[in-house]
Amino acid sequence: MEPLSTNLQENFDRLIVECLEQGCIWGLQDGTENWALVGSTDHDDIDVIPFWSSKPLAEALCSGDWGVYKPVAIDIEEFLDDWLPGMHGDVLLVGVNWDIDLEGMEIEPLDLLEEFEAEFD
């Protein structure tokens, strides 16, 4: 498994390519079916749900305070059709391939949807 880059744009591009190849995206869920949620570093009063392009990248965060979480695959069609519009409606951001320090790109859900759709053209 290739480690994440220090270049956030590379990690973003990797998310698009790998998720389309695998047909899924990875989030973190606790035992009560709650998804990992973090306050945005860029915007006050907005939360971020982080997602990863592979299970090992998501699993890397499942220790310490995040030990309650386990990686869960989400079908990419469901993610694009339901999750991203829903997150937009709930005023949430998407965290893209964050590293173990919870650092990475934050993006508006509909902007991410546009990036995925551009790959289909």
PDB file of N, CA and C in Angstrom:
ATOM      1  N   MET A   1       0.852  -1.188   0.000  1.00  0.00           N
ATOM      2  CA  MET A   1       0.000   0.000   0.000  1.00  0.00           C
ATOM      3  C   MET A   1       0.885   1.233   0.000  1.00  0.00           C
ATOM      4  N   GLU A   2       0.667   2.058  -0.970  1.00  0.00           N
ATOM      5  CA  GLU A   2       1.411   3.307  -1.108  1.00  0.00           C
ATOM      6  C   GLU A   2       0.963   4.287  -0.022  1.00  0.00           C
ATOM      7  N   PRO A   3       1.906   4.878   0.755  1.00  0.00           N
ATOM      8  CA  PRO A   3       1.500   5.854   1.772  1.00  0.00           C
ATOM      9  C   PRO A   3       0.944   7.118   1.122  1.00  0.00           C
ATOM     10  N   LEU A   4       0.236   7.890   1.918  1.00  0.00           N
ATOM     11  CA  LEU A   4      -0.287   9.160   1.422  1.00  0.00           C
ATOM     12  C   LEU A   4       0.861  10.112   1.135  1.00  0.00           C
ATOM     13  N   SER A   5       0.627  11.004   0.214  1.00  0.00           N
ATOM     14  CA  SER A   5       1.604  12.015  -0.164  1.00  0.00           C
ATOM     15  C   SER A   5       1.512  13.201   0.792  1.00  0.00           C
ATOM     16  N   THR A   6       2.537  14.013   0.831  1.00  0.00           N
ATOM     17  CA  THR A   6       2.449  15.281   1.556  1.00  0.00           C
ATOM     18  C   THR A   6       1.732  16.326   0.702  1.00  0.00           C
ATOM     19  N   ASN A   7       1.505  15.989  -0.568  1.00  0.00           N
ATOM     20  CA  ASN A   7       0.803  16.869  -1.496  1.00  0.00           C
ATOM     21  C   ASN A   7      -0.696  16.554  -1.438  1.00  0.00           C
ATOM     22  N   LEU A   8      -1.486  17.498  -0.921  1.00  0.00           N
ATOM     23  CA  LEU A   8      -2.924  17.266  -0.740  1.00  0.00           C
ATOM     24  C   LEU A   8      -3.641  17.024  -2.057  1.00  0.00           C
ATOM     25  N   GLN A   9      -3.207  17.683  -3.126  1.00  0.00           N
ATOM     26  CA  GLN A   9      -3.840  17.482  -4.435  1.00  0.00           C
ATOM     27  C   GLN A   9      -3.602  16.052  -4.926  1.00  0.00           C
ATOM     28  N   GLU A  10      -2.420  15.509  -4.694  1.00  0.00           N
ATOM     29  CA  GLU A  10      -2.146  14.116  -5.074  1.00  0.00           C
ATOM     30  C   GLU A  10      -3.051  13.165  -4.307  1.00  0.00           C
ATOM     31  N   ASN A  11      -3.256  13.418  -3.026  1.00  0.00           N
ATOM     32  CA  ASN A  11      -4.129  12.573  -2.217  1.00  0.00           C
ATOM     33  C   ASN A  11      -5.580  12.675  -2.690  1.00  0.00           C
ATOM     34  N   PHE A  12      -5.974  13.873  -3.125  1.00  0.00           N
ATOM     35  CA  PHE A  12      -7.311  14.087  -3.670  1.00  0.00           C
ATOM     36  C   PHE A  12      -7.484  13.296  -4.969  1.00  0.00           C
ATOM     37  N   ASP A  13      -6.524  13.436  -5.870  1.00  0.00           N
ATOM     38  CA  ASP A  13      -6.590  12.709  -7.143  1.00  0.00           C
ATOM     39  C   ASP A  13      -6.613  11.200  -6.903  1.00  0.00           C
ATOM     40  N   ARG A  14      -5.840  10.766  -5.942  1.00  0.00           N
ATOM     41  CA  ARG A  14      -5.792   9.338  -5.603  1.00  0.00           C
ATOM     42  C   ARG A  14      -7.158   8.845  -5.140  1.00  0.00           C
ATOM     43  N   LEU A  15      -7.845   9.650  -4.337  1.00  0.00           N
ATOM     44  CA  LEU A  15      -9.176   9.267  -3.867  1.00  0.00           C
ATOM     45  C   LEU A  15     -10.106   9.030  -5.051  1.00  0.00           C
ATOM     46  N   ILE A  16     -10.123   9.950  -5.996  1.00  0.00           N
ATOM     47  CA  ILE A  16     -11.017   9.827  -7.162  1.00  0.00           C
ATOM     48  C   ILE A  16     -10.701   8.543  -7.930  1.00  0.00           C
ATOM     49  N   VAL A  17      -9.445   8.361  -8.299  1.00  0.00           N
ATOM     50  CA  VAL A  17      -9.038   7.230  -9.134  1.00  0.00           C
ATOM     51  C   VAL A  17      -9.271   5.896  -8.427  1.00  0.00           C
ATOM     52  N   GLU A  18      -8.797   5.773  -7.194  1.00  0.00           N
ATOM     53  CA  GLU A  18      -8.890   4.489  -6.487  1.00  0.00           C
ATOM     54  C   GLU A  18     -10.334   4.128  -6.149  1.00  0.00           C
ATOM     55  N   CYS A  19     -11.146   5.109  -5.788  1.00  0.00           N
ATOM     56  CA  CYS A  19     -12.542   4.807  -5.448  1.00  0.00           C
ATOM     57  C   CYS A  19     -13.317   4.350  -6.682  1.00  0.00           C
ATOM     58  N   LEU A  20     -13.034   4.964  -7.816  1.00  0.00           N
ATOM     59  CA  LEU A  20     -13.706   4.524  -9.037  1.00  0.00           C
ATOM     60  C   LEU A  20     -13.236   3.135  -9.453  1.00  0.00           C
ATOM     61  N   GLU A  21     -11.949   2.848  -9.285  1.00  0.00           N
ATOM     62  CA  GLU A  21     -11.430   1.518  -9.619  1.00  0.00           C
ATOM     63  C   GLU A  21     -12.040   0.444  -8.727  1.00  0.00           C
ATOM     64  N   GLN A  22     -12.154   0.729  -7.432  1.00  0.00           N
ATOM     65  CA  GLN A  22     -12.629  -0.262  -6.466  1.00  0.00           C
ATOM     66  C   GLN A  22     -14.155  -0.305  -6.348  1.00  0.00           C
ATOM     67  N   GLY A  23     -14.801   0.776  -6.749  1.00  0.00           N
ATOM     68  CA  GLY A  23     -16.259   0.834  -6.640  1.00  0.00           C
ATOM     69  C   GLY A  23     -16.753   1.169  -5.253  1.00  0.00           C
ATOM     70  N   CYS A  24     -15.847   1.658  -4.386  1.00  0.00           N
ATOM     71  CA  CYS A  24     -16.274   2.032  -3.039  1.00  0.00           C
ATOM     72  C   CYS A  24     -15.353   3.114  -2.484  1.00  0.00           C
ATOM     73  N   ILE A  25     -15.820   3.724  -1.415  1.00  0.00           N
ATOM     74  CA  ILE A  25     -15.049   4.696  -0.645  1.00  0.00           C
ATOM     75  C   ILE A  25     -15.152   4.254   0.802  1.00  0.00           C
ATOM     76  N   TRP A  26     -14.178   4.612   1.621  1.00  0.00           N
ATOM     77  CA  TRP A  26     -14.108   4.119   2.996  1.00  0.00           C
ATOM     78  C   TRP A  26     -14.332   5.234   4.007  1.00  0.00           C
ATOM     79  N   GLY A  27     -15.234   4.982   4.949  1.00  0.00           N
ATOM     80  CA  GLY A  27     -15.458   5.878   6.081  1.00  0.00           C
ATOM     81  C   GLY A  27     -15.193   5.111   7.363  1.00  0.00           C
ATOM     82  N   LEU A  28     -15.279   5.799   8.484  1.00  0.00           N
ATOM     83  CA  LEU A  28     -15.079   5.166   9.788  1.00  0.00           C
ATOM     84  C   LEU A  28     -16.363   5.240  10.590  1.00  0.00           C
ATOM     85  N   GLN A  29     -16.752   4.083  11.122  1.00  0.00           N
ATOM     86  CA  GLN A  29     -17.997   3.983  11.872  1.00  0.00           C
ATOM     87  C   GLN A  29     -17.710   3.335  13.226  1.00  0.00           C
ATOM     88  N   ASP A  30     -18.382   3.826  14.267  1.00  0.00           N
ATOM     89  CA  ASP A  30     -18.213   3.201  15.577  1.00  0.00           C
ATOM     90  C   ASP A  30     -19.229   2.078  15.751  1.00  0.00           C
ATOM     91  N   GLY A  31     -19.255   1.458  16.903  1.00  0.00           N
ATOM     92  CA  GLY A  31     -20.140   0.323  17.149  1.00  0.00           C
ATOM     93  C   GLY A  31     -21.613   0.669  17.157  1.00  0.00           C
ATOM     94  N   THR A  32     -21.948   1.948  17.222  1.00  0.00           N
ATOM     95  CA  THR A  32     -23.355   2.350  17.240  1.00  0.00           C
ATOM     96  C   THR A  32     -23.797   2.935  15.901  1.00  0.00           C
ATOM     97  N   GLU A  33     -23.004   2.671  14.870  1.00  0.00           N
ATOM     98  CA  GLU A  33     -23.296   3.111  13.509  1.00  0.00           C
ATOM     99  C   GLU A  33     -23.179   4.619  13.314  1.00  0.00           C
ATOM    100  N   ASN A  34     -22.478   5.292  14.216  1.00  0.00           N
ATOM    101  CA  ASN A  34     -22.170   6.710  14.018  1.00  0.00           C
ATOM    102  C   ASN A  34     -20.902   6.821  13.191  1.00  0.00           C
ATOM    103  N   TRP A  35     -20.870   7.775  12.275  1.00  0.00           N
ATOM    104  CA  TRP A  35     -19.708   8.001  11.424  1.00  0.00           C
ATOM    105  C   TRP A  35     -18.773   8.994  12.098  1.00  0.00           C
ATOM    106  N   ALA A  36     -17.477   8.806  11.893  1.00  0.00           N
ATOM    107  CA  ALA A  36     -16.485   9.728  12.431  1.00  0.00           C
ATOM    108  C   ALA A  36     -16.773  11.136  11.906  1.00  0.00           C
ATOM    109  N   LEU A  37     -16.750  12.094  12.808  1.00  0.00           N
ATOM    110  CA  LEU A  37     -17.078  13.476  12.489  1.00  0.00           C
ATOM    111  C   LEU A  37     -16.069  14.362  13.221  1.00  0.00           C
ATOM    112  N   VAL A  38     -15.520  15.344  12.517  1.00  0.00           N
ATOM    113  CA  VAL A  38     -14.484  16.207  13.071  1.00  0.00           C
ATOM    114  C   VAL A  38     -14.827  17.654  12.743  1.00  0.00           C
ATOM    115  N   GLY A  39     -14.532  18.555  13.650  1.00  0.00           N
ATOM    116  CA  GLY A  39     -14.720  19.973  13.360  1.00  0.00           C
ATOM    117  C   GLY A  39     -13.764  20.424  12.268  1.00  0.00           C
ATOM    118  N   SER A  40     -14.238  21.262  11.383  1.00  0.00           N
ATOM    119  CA  SER A  40     -13.413  21.773  10.288  1.00  0.00           C
ATOM    120  C   SER A  40     -12.307  22.666  10.822  1.00  0.00           C
ATOM    121  N   THR A  41     -11.130  22.560  10.211  1.00  0.00           N
ATOM    122  CA  THR A  41     -10.036  23.467  10.568  1.00  0.00           C
ATOM    123  C   THR A  41     -10.142  24.767   9.785  1.00  0.00           C
ATOM    124  N   ASP A  42     -10.937  24.759   8.714  1.00  0.00           N
ATOM    125  CA  ASP A  42     -11.052  25.930   7.843  1.00  0.00           C
ATOM    126  C   ASP A  42     -12.288  26.778   8.096  1.00  0.00           C
ATOM    127  N   HIS A  43     -13.333  26.166   8.642  1.00  0.00           N
ATOM    128  CA  HIS A  43     -14.616  26.857   8.793  1.00  0.00           C
ATOM    129  C   HIS A  43     -15.183  26.610  10.191  1.00  0.00           C
ATOM    130  N   ASP A  44     -15.447  27.679  10.918  1.00  0.00           N
ATOM    131  CA  ASP A  44     -16.076  27.545  12.231  1.00  0.00           C
ATOM    132  C   ASP A  44     -17.487  26.987  12.072  1.00  0.00           C
ATOM    133  N   ASP A  45     -17.892  26.187  13.020  1.00  0.00           N
ATOM    134  CA  ASP A  45     -19.264  25.659  13.083  1.00  0.00           C
ATOM    135  C   ASP A  45     -19.639  24.736  11.929  1.00  0.00           C
ATOM    136  N   ILE A  46     -18.654  24.167  11.228  1.00  0.00           N
ATOM    137  CA  ILE A  46     -18.940  23.181  10.188  1.00  0.00           C
ATOM    138  C   ILE A  46     -18.143  21.920  10.521  1.00  0.00           C
ATOM    139  N   ASP A  47     -18.807  20.778  10.407  1.00  0.00           N
ATOM    140  CA  ASP A  47     -18.151  19.506  10.665  1.00  0.00           C
ATOM    141  C   ASP A  47     -17.745  18.837   9.359  1.00  0.00           C
ATOM    142  N   VAL A  48     -16.797  17.925   9.479  1.00  0.00           N
ATOM    143  CA  VAL A  48     -16.244  17.210   8.338  1.00  0.00           C
ATOM    144  C   VAL A  48     -16.370  15.711   8.592  1.00  0.00           C
ATOM    145  N   ILE A  49     -16.807  14.965   7.582  1.00  0.00           N
ATOM    146  CA  ILE A  49     -16.751  13.501   7.633  1.00  0.00           C
ATOM    147  C   ILE A  49     -15.586  13.088   6.742  1.00  0.00           C
ATOM    148  N   PRO A  50     -14.563  12.464   7.330  1.00  0.00           N
ATOM    149  CA  PRO A  50     -13.420  12.044   6.514  1.00  0.00           C
ATOM    150  C   PRO A  50     -13.687  10.733   5.780  1.00  0.00           C
ATOM    151  N   PHE A  51     -13.128  10.620   4.578  1.00  0.00           N
ATOM    152  CA  PHE A  51     -13.226   9.414   3.757  1.00  0.00           C
ATOM    153  C   PHE A  51     -11.861   9.104   3.167  1.00  0.00           C
ATOM    154  N   TRP A  52     -11.659   7.823   2.863  1.00  0.00           N
ATOM    155  CA  TRP A  52     -10.380   7.370   2.327  1.00  0.00           C
ATOM    156  C   TRP A  52     -10.590   6.505   1.096  1.00  0.00           C
ATOM    157  N   SER A  53      -9.526   6.394   0.317  1.00  0.00           N
ATOM    158  CA  SER A  53      -9.583   5.631  -0.926  1.00  0.00           C
ATOM    159  C   SER A  53      -9.300   4.151  -0.735  1.00  0.00           C
ATOM    160  N   SER A  54      -8.891   3.752   0.475  1.00  0.00           N
ATOM    161  CA  SER A  54      -8.642   2.329   0.718  1.00  0.00           C
ATOM    162  C   SER A  54      -8.839   2.007   2.188  1.00  0.00           C
ATOM    163  N   LYS A  55      -9.097   0.740   2.458  1.00  0.00           N
ATOM    164  CA  LYS A  55      -9.291   0.289   3.832  1.00  0.00           C
ATOM    165  C   LYS A  55      -8.041   0.510   4.689  1.00  0.00           C
ATOM    166  N   PRO A  56      -6.835   0.162   4.205  1.00  0.00           N
ATOM    167  CA  PRO A  56      -5.649   0.380   5.055  1.00  0.00           C
ATOM    168  C   PRO A  56      -5.420   1.845   5.431  1.00  0.00           C
ATOM    169  N   LEU A  57      -5.723   2.780   4.527  1.00  0.00           N
ATOM    170  CA  LEU A  57      -5.564   4.197   4.849  1.00  0.00           C
ATOM    171  C   LEU A  57      -6.542   4.619   5.946  1.00  0.00           C
ATOM    172  N   ALA A  58      -7.769   4.119   5.879  1.00  0.00           N
ATOM    173  CA  ALA A  58      -8.766   4.429   6.907  1.00  0.00           C
ATOM    174  C   ALA A  58      -8.406   3.747   8.225  1.00  0.00           C
ATOM    175  N   GLU A  59      -7.963   2.501   8.136  1.00  0.00           N
ATOM    176  CA  GLU A  59      -7.614   1.714   9.319  1.00  0.00           C
ATOM    177  C   GLU A  59      -6.478   2.347  10.121  1.00  0.00           C
ATOM    178  N   ALA A  60      -5.599   3.059   9.449  1.00  0.00           N
ATOM    179  CA  ALA A  60      -4.440   3.671  10.108  1.00  0.00           C
ATOM    180  C   ALA A  60      -4.854   4.643  11.218  1.00  0.00           C
ATOM    181  N   LEU A  61      -6.068   5.156  11.153  1.00  0.00           N
ATOM    182  CA  LEU A  61      -6.529   6.114  12.161  1.00  0.00           C
ATOM    183  C   LEU A  61      -7.273   5.463  13.322  1.00  0.00           C
ATOM    184  N   CYS A  62      -7.488   4.160  13.250  1.00  0.00           N
ATOM    185  CA  CYS A  62      -8.329   3.463  14.229  1.00  0.00           C
ATOM    186  C   CYS A  62      -7.535   3.031  15.469  1.00  0.00           C
ATOM    187  N   SER A  63      -6.940   4.007  16.138  1.00  0.00           N
ATOM    188  CA  SER A  63      -6.233   3.729  17.389  1.00  0.00           C
ATOM    189  C   SER A  63      -6.395   4.939  18.300  1.00  0.00           C
ATOM    190  N   GLY A  64      -5.990   4.782  19.544  1.00  0.00           N
ATOM    191  CA  GLY A  64      -6.128   5.878  20.504  1.00  0.00           C
ATOM    192  C   GLY A  64      -7.573   6.304  20.648  1.00  0.00           C
ATOM    193  N   ASP A  65      -7.813   7.614  20.569  1.00  0.00           N
ATOM    194  CA  ASP A  65      -9.176   8.150  20.684  1.00  0.00           C
ATOM    195  C   ASP A  65     -10.088   7.619  19.587  1.00  0.00           C
ATOM    196  N   TRP A  66      -9.490   7.215  18.468  1.00  0.00           N
ATOM    197  CA  TRP A  66     -10.269   6.725  17.337  1.00  0.00           C
ATOM    198  C   TRP A  66     -10.353   5.200  17.315  1.00  0.00           C
ATOM    199  N   GLY A  67      -9.956   4.562  18.397  1.00  0.00           N
ATOM    200  CA  GLY A  67      -9.995   3.109  18.479  1.00  0.00           C
ATOM    201  C   GLY A  67     -11.398   2.526  18.436  1.00  0.00           C
ATOM    202  N   VAL A  68     -12.405   3.351  18.653  1.00  0.00           N
ATOM    203  CA  VAL A  68     -13.797   2.881  18.600  1.00  0.00           C
ATOM    204  C   VAL A  68     -14.282   2.694  17.172  1.00  0.00           C
ATOM    205  N   TYR A  69     -13.534   3.228  16.212  1.00  0.00           N
ATOM    206  CA  TYR A  69     -13.970   3.194  14.812  1.00  0.00           C
ATOM    207  C   TYR A  69     -13.391   2.007  14.051  1.00  0.00           C
ATOM    208  N   LYS A  70     -14.143   1.588  13.042  1.00  0.00           N
ATOM    209  CA  LYS A  70     -13.710   0.545  12.107  1.00  0.00           C
ATOM    210  C   LYS A  70     -14.001   1.047  10.694  1.00  0.00           C
ATOM    211  N   PRO A  71     -13.138   0.714   9.728  1.00  0.00           N
ATOM    212  CA  PRO A  71     -13.400   1.109   8.343  1.00  0.00           C
ATOM    213  C   PRO A  71     -14.633   0.398   7.783  1.00  0.00           C
ATOM    214  N   VAL A  72     -15.454   1.151   7.078  1.00  0.00           N
ATOM    215  CA  VAL A  72     -16.658   0.612   6.447  1.00  0.00           C
ATOM    216  C   VAL A  72     -16.692   1.102   4.997  1.00  0.00           C
ATOM    217  N   ALA A  73     -16.878   0.150   4.078  1.00  0.00           N
ATOM    218  CA  ALA A  73     -16.950   0.499   2.659  1.00  0.00           C
ATOM    219  C   ALA A  73     -18.350   1.011   2.325  1.00  0.00           C
ATOM    220  N   ILE A  74     -18.389   2.053   1.501  1.00  0.00           N
ATOM    221  CA  ILE A  74     -19.642   2.613   0.997  1.00  0.00           C
ATOM    222  C   ILE A  74     -19.585   2.499  -0.521  1.00  0.00           C
ATOM    223  N   ASP A  75     -20.596   1.902  -1.109  1.00  0.00           N
ATOM    224  CA  ASP A  75     -20.662   1.770  -2.560  1.00  0.00           C
ATOM    225  C   ASP A  75     -20.545   3.149  -3.197  1.00  0.00           C
ATOM    226  N   ILE A  76     -19.726   3.266  -4.214  1.00  0.00           N
ATOM    227  CA  ILE A  76     -19.449   4.577  -4.797  1.00  0.00           C
ATOM    228  C   ILE A  76     -20.702   5.209  -5.408  1.00  0.00           C
ATOM    229  N   GLU A  77     -21.594   4.415  -5.994  1.00  0.00           N
ATOM    230  CA  GLU A  77     -22.831   4.990  -6.533  1.00  0.00           C
ATOM    231  C   GLU A  77     -23.703   5.562  -5.428  1.00  0.00           C
ATOM    232  N   GLU A  78     -23.803   4.835  -4.315  1.00  0.00           N
ATOM    233  CA  GLU A  78     -24.570   5.330  -3.171  1.00  0.00           C
ATOM    234  C   GLU A  78     -23.932   6.612  -2.626  1.00  0.00           C
ATOM    235  N   PHE A  79     -22.603   6.621  -2.571  1.00  0.00           N
ATOM    236  CA  PHE A  79     -21.882   7.796  -2.078  1.00  0.00           C
ATOM    237  C   PHE A  79     -22.172   9.008  -2.951  1.00  0.00           C
ATOM    238  N   LEU A  80     -22.108   8.823  -4.264  1.00  0.00           N
ATOM    239  CA  LEU A  80     -22.314   9.937  -5.191  1.00  0.00           C
ATOM    240  C   LEU A  80     -23.777  10.367  -5.255  1.00  0.00           C
ATOM    241  N   ASP A  81     -24.693   9.400  -5.242  1.00  0.00           N
ATOM    242  CA  ASP A  81     -26.118   9.713  -5.414  1.00  0.00           C
ATOM    243  C   ASP A  81     -26.799  10.175  -4.129  1.00  0.00           C
ATOM    244  N   ASP A  82     -26.377   9.606  -2.991  1.00  0.00           N
ATOM    245  CA  ASP A  82     -27.087   9.870  -1.736  1.00  0.00           C
ATOM    246  C   ASP A  82     -26.248  10.649  -0.721  1.00  0.00           C
ATOM    247  N   TRP A  83     -25.039  10.155  -0.478  1.00  0.00           N
ATOM    248  CA  TRP A  83     -24.211  10.756   0.563  1.00  0.00           C
ATOM    249  C   TRP A  83     -23.855  12.204   0.275  1.00  0.00           C
ATOM    250  N   LEU A  84     -23.275  12.465  -0.891  1.00  0.00           N
ATOM    251  CA  LEU A  84     -22.790  13.821  -1.160  1.00  0.00           C
ATOM    252  C   LEU A  84     -23.919  14.852  -1.188  1.00  0.00           C
ATOM    253  N   PRO A  85     -25.045  14.589  -1.873  1.00  0.00           N
ATOM    254  CA  PRO A  85     -26.144  15.560  -1.788  1.00  0.00           C
ATOM    255  C   PRO A  85     -26.669  15.713  -0.353  1.00  0.00           C
ATOM    256  N   GLY A  86     -26.729  14.606   0.384  1.00  0.00           N
ATOM    257  CA  GLY A  86     -27.189  14.666   1.773  1.00  0.00           C
ATOM    258  C   GLY A  86     -26.253  15.466   2.657  1.00  0.00           C
ATOM    259  N   MET A  87     -24.949  15.273   2.469  1.00  0.00           N
ATOM    260  CA  MET A  87     -23.973  16.031   3.247  1.00  0.00           C
ATOM    261  C   MET A  87     -24.054  17.515   2.918  1.00  0.00           C
ATOM    262  N   HIS A  88     -24.280  17.832   1.660  1.00  0.00           N
ATOM    263  CA  HIS A  88     -24.454  19.240   1.265  1.00  0.00           C
ATOM    264  C   HIS A  88     -25.662  19.835   1.996  1.00  0.00           C
ATOM    265  N   GLY A  89     -26.763  19.091   2.002  1.00  0.00           N
ATOM    266  CA  GLY A  89     -27.973  19.555   2.677  1.00  0.00           C
ATOM    267  C   GLY A  89     -27.787  19.721   4.179  1.00  0.00           C
ATOM    268  N   ASP A  90     -26.917  18.880   4.764  1.00  0.00           N
ATOM    269  CA  ASP A  90     -26.647  18.943   6.200  1.00  0.00           C
ATOM    270  C   ASP A  90     -25.508  19.914   6.546  1.00  0.00           C
ATOM    271  N   VAL A  91     -24.982  20.607   5.545  1.00  0.00           N
ATOM    272  CA  VAL A  91     -23.867  21.548   5.693  1.00  0.00           C
ATOM    273  C   VAL A  91     -22.664  20.861   6.359  1.00  0.00           C
ATOM    274  N   LEU A  92     -22.237  19.770   5.738  1.00  0.00           N
ATOM    275  CA  LEU A  92     -21.041  19.049   6.169  1.00  0.00           C
ATOM    276  C   LEU A  92     -20.015  19.100   5.042  1.00  0.00           C
ATOM    277  N   LEU A  93     -18.758  18.989   5.405  1.00  0.00           N
ATOM    278  CA  LEU A  93     -17.688  18.926   4.416  1.00  0.00           C
ATOM    279  C   LEU A  93     -17.144  17.501   4.333  1.00  0.00           C
ATOM    280  N   VAL A  94     -16.438  17.214   3.252  1.00  0.00           N
ATOM    281  CA  VAL A  94     -15.805  15.917   3.051  1.00  0.00           C
ATOM    282  C   VAL A  94     -14.313  16.067   3.321  1.00  0.00           C
ATOM    283  N   GLY A  95     -13.782  15.198   4.182  1.00  0.00           N
ATOM    284  CA  GLY A  95     -12.341  15.116   4.391  1.00  0.00           C
ATOM    285  C   GLY A  95     -11.787  14.093   3.414  1.00  0.00           C
ATOM    286  N   VAL A  96     -10.716  14.453   2.712  1.00  0.00           N
ATOM    287  CA  VAL A  96     -10.193  13.627   1.628  1.00  0.00           C
ATOM    288  C   VAL A  96      -8.857  12.995   2.012  1.00  0.00           C
ATOM    289  N   ASN A  97      -8.842  11.660   2.166  1.00  0.00           N
ATOM    290  CA  ASN A  97      -7.609  10.914   2.424  1.00  0.00           C
ATOM    291  C   ASN A  97      -6.731  11.587   3.479  1.00  0.00           C
ATOM    292  N   TRP A  98      -7.307  11.801   4.665  1.00  0.00           N
ATOM    293  CA  TRP A  98      -6.550  12.428   5.752  1.00  0.00           C
ATOM    294  C   TRP A  98      -5.461  11.497   6.251  1.00  0.00           C
ATOM    295  N   ASP A  99      -4.374  12.098   6.732  1.00  0.00           N
ATOM    296  CA  ASP A  99      -3.299  11.300   7.319  1.00  0.00           C
ATOM    297  C   ASP A  99      -3.607  11.020   8.793  1.00  0.00           C
ATOM    298  N   ILE A 100      -2.693  10.342   9.472  1.00  0.00           N
ATOM    299  CA  ILE A 100      -2.964   9.943  10.858  1.00  0.00           C
ATOM    300  C   ILE A 100      -3.011  11.125  11.818  1.00  0.00           C
ATOM    301  N   ASP A 101      -2.577  12.295  11.357  1.00  0.00           N
ATOM    302  CA  ASP A 101      -2.681  13.510  12.162  1.00  0.00           C
ATOM    303  C   ASP A 101      -3.962  14.286  11.850  1.00  0.00           C
ATOM    304  N   LEU A 102      -4.862  13.653  11.103  1.00  0.00           N
ATOM    305  CA  LEU A 102      -6.129  14.268  10.688  1.00  0.00           C
ATOM    306  C   LEU A 102      -5.898  15.509   9.844  1.00  0.00           C
ATOM    307  N   GLU A 103      -4.853  15.458   9.048  1.00  0.00           N
ATOM    308  CA  GLU A 103      -4.565  16.572   8.162  1.00  0.00           C
ATOM    309  C   GLU A 103      -4.828  16.164   6.728  1.00  0.00           C
ATOM    310  N   GLY A 104      -5.479  17.057   5.999  1.00  0.00           N
ATOM    311  CA  GLY A 104      -5.788  16.795   4.608  1.00  0.00           C
ATOM    312  C   GLY A 104      -6.791  17.805   4.100  1.00  0.00           C
ATOM    313  N   MET A 105      -7.178  17.608   2.873  1.00  0.00           N
ATOM    314  CA  MET A 105      -8.093  18.526   2.201  1.00  0.00           C
ATOM    315  C   MET A 105      -9.507  18.378   2.743  1.00  0.00           C
ATOM    316  N   GLU A 106     -10.197  19.535   2.833  1.00  0.00           N
ATOM    317  CA  GLU A 106     -11.627  19.567   3.129  1.00  0.00           C
ATOM    318  C   GLU A 106     -12.297  20.156   1.893  1.00  0.00           C
ATOM    319  N   ILE A 107     -13.392  19.515   1.450  1.00  0.00           N
ATOM    320  CA  ILE A 107     -14.044  19.968   0.222  1.00  0.00           C
ATOM    321  C   ILE A 107     -15.562  19.921   0.387  1.00  0.00           C
ATOM    322  N   GLU A 108     -16.221  20.855  -0.283  1.00  0.00           N
ATOM    323  CA  GLU A 108     -17.685  20.887  -0.294  1.00  0.00           C
ATOM    324  C   GLU A 108     -18.180  19.642  -1.036  1.00  0.00           C
ATOM    325  N   PRO A 109     -19.189  18.957  -0.515  1.00  0.00           N
ATOM    326  CA  PRO A 109     -19.654  17.707  -1.135  1.00  0.00           C
ATOM    327  C   PRO A 109     -20.009  17.820  -2.615  1.00  0.00           C
ATOM    328  N   LEU A 110     -20.678  18.891  -3.018  1.00  0.00           N
ATOM    329  CA  LEU A 110     -21.068  18.997  -4.425  1.00  0.00           C
ATOM    330  C   LEU A 110     -19.859  19.263  -5.327  1.00  0.00           C
ATOM    331  N   ASP A 111     -18.816  19.891  -4.781  1.00  0.00           N
ATOM    332  CA  ASP A 111     -17.579  20.064  -5.548  1.00  0.00           C
ATOM    333  C   ASP A 111     -16.916  18.708  -5.789  1.00  0.00           C
ATOM    334  N   LEU A 112     -16.944  17.856  -4.763  1.00  0.00           N
ATOM    335  CA  LEU A 112     -16.387  16.510  -4.926  1.00  0.00           C
ATOM    336  C   LEU A 112     -17.215  15.716  -5.937  1.00  0.00           C
ATOM    337  N   LEU A 113     -18.519  15.853  -5.873  1.00  0.00           N
ATOM    338  CA  LEU A 113     -19.401  15.175  -6.824  1.00  0.00           C
ATOM    339  C   LEU A 113     -19.056  15.588  -8.256  1.00  0.00           C
ATOM    340  N   GLU A 114     -18.825  16.877  -8.473  1.00  0.00           N
ATOM    341  CA  GLU A 114     -18.435  17.366  -9.807  1.00  0.00           C
ATOM    342  C   GLU A 114     -17.129  16.730 -10.267  1.00  0.00           C
ATOM    343  N   GLU A 115     -16.169  16.581  -9.357  1.00  0.00           N
ATOM    344  CA  GLU A 115     -14.875  15.975  -9.700  1.00  0.00           C
ATOM    345  C   GLU A 115     -15.059  14.524 -10.130  1.00  0.00           C
ATOM    346  N   PHE A 116     -15.889  13.784  -9.405  1.00  0.00           N
ATOM    347  CA  PHE A 116     -16.167  12.400  -9.775  1.00  0.00           C
ATOM    348  C   PHE A 116     -16.861  12.354 -11.136  1.00  0.00           C
ATOM    349  N   GLU A 117     -17.865  13.210 -11.317  1.00  0.00           N
ATOM    350  CA  GLU A 117     -18.619  13.192 -12.576  1.00  0.00           C
ATOM    351  C   GLU A 117     -17.735  13.558 -13.767  1.00  0.00           C
ATOM    352  N   ALA A 118     -16.731  14.411 -13.559  1.00  0.00           N
ATOM    353  CA  ALA A 118     -15.815  14.788 -14.625  1.00  0.00           C
ATOM    354  C   ALA A 118     -15.026  13.560 -15.111  1.00  0.00           C
ATOM    355  N   GLU A 119     -14.800  12.598 -14.232  1.00  0.00           N
ATOM    356  CA  GLU A 119     -14.093  11.369 -14.598  1.00  0.00           C
ATOM    357  C   GLU A 119     -14.944  10.478 -15.492  1.00  0.00           C
ATOM    358  N   PHE A 120     -16.270  10.638 -15.423  1.00  0.00           N
ATOM    359  CA  PHE A 120     -17.172   9.814 -16.245  1.00  0.00           C
ATOM    360  C   PHE A 120     -17.271  10.325 -17.677  1.00  0.00           C
ATOM    361  N   ASP A 121     -16.927  11.599 -17.893  1.00  0.00           N
ATOM    362  CA  ASP A 121     -17.048  12.202 -19.226  1.00  0.00           C
ATOM    363  C   ASP A 121     -15.962  11.739 -20.167  1.00  0.00           C
TER     364      ASP A 121
END
